[in-house]
Amino acid sequence: MIWVILIFALIILVATIIYFAFLLPALILGRGVPFIPLNKRQLLAVNKCIKLKAGDKVVDLGCGDGRVLRMFEKQGVKDLTGYEINFWAYLLAKIKNKFLKSKSKIYFKNFNKAKLSEYNIIFCYLLPGYVNFLKEKFDRELKPGTKIISYVFEIKNWHKPEIIYTNEKNKNLGRIFIYYWQ
């Protein structure tokens, strides 16, 4: 009986070591930014609620594996750019784009260094601290008529957004905040 407990404890210890051996480098190399992609249900909700035009110039700030860009590409949008600072998510995006023959451009670059004035649609699914940090950048760089789409997190103390609820049962889940820069 004691051997079973010792073996079980050893398995738990090894599993914990392996987990942290992979997690810590990913966080360090990803500069502490978690890669949390939209799941299929969330992606379908965004696709249903947000319709873009072929001539739109779209940027996804923190694009992860590029799935939102590829979704907009299926809507017919031609000019799609994503910025990702997490190396593993960036690498996954490049591989998926190659495999799926996507023409969206993905850059391994901090989006704070990107010129947002080139785009008329800005999509972001970022933690509140990052999304609120972008207010000053938006104020400096955006052209009138630019649409900012923030999935789940509101840009606090900024312009009044249009809010789309994709989950009527729990309105805090799946909110899409849309801002129009004037």
Foldseek 3Di string as FASTA:
>chain_A
DVVVVVVVVVVVVVVVVVVCVVVVVQCVQQVNFDQDDDDPLLLVLCLVVDQDDQDFAEEEEQCFLVPNVVSNVVSNHDHYEYEGQRVVSQVNNVVVCVVVVPPYYYDNDHCVPPQCCVGQEYEYAGDQVVLLVCQVVCVPHHDAFRKYKYWLDDNPPDDQWDWDASDPVDRSPGIITIDGHD
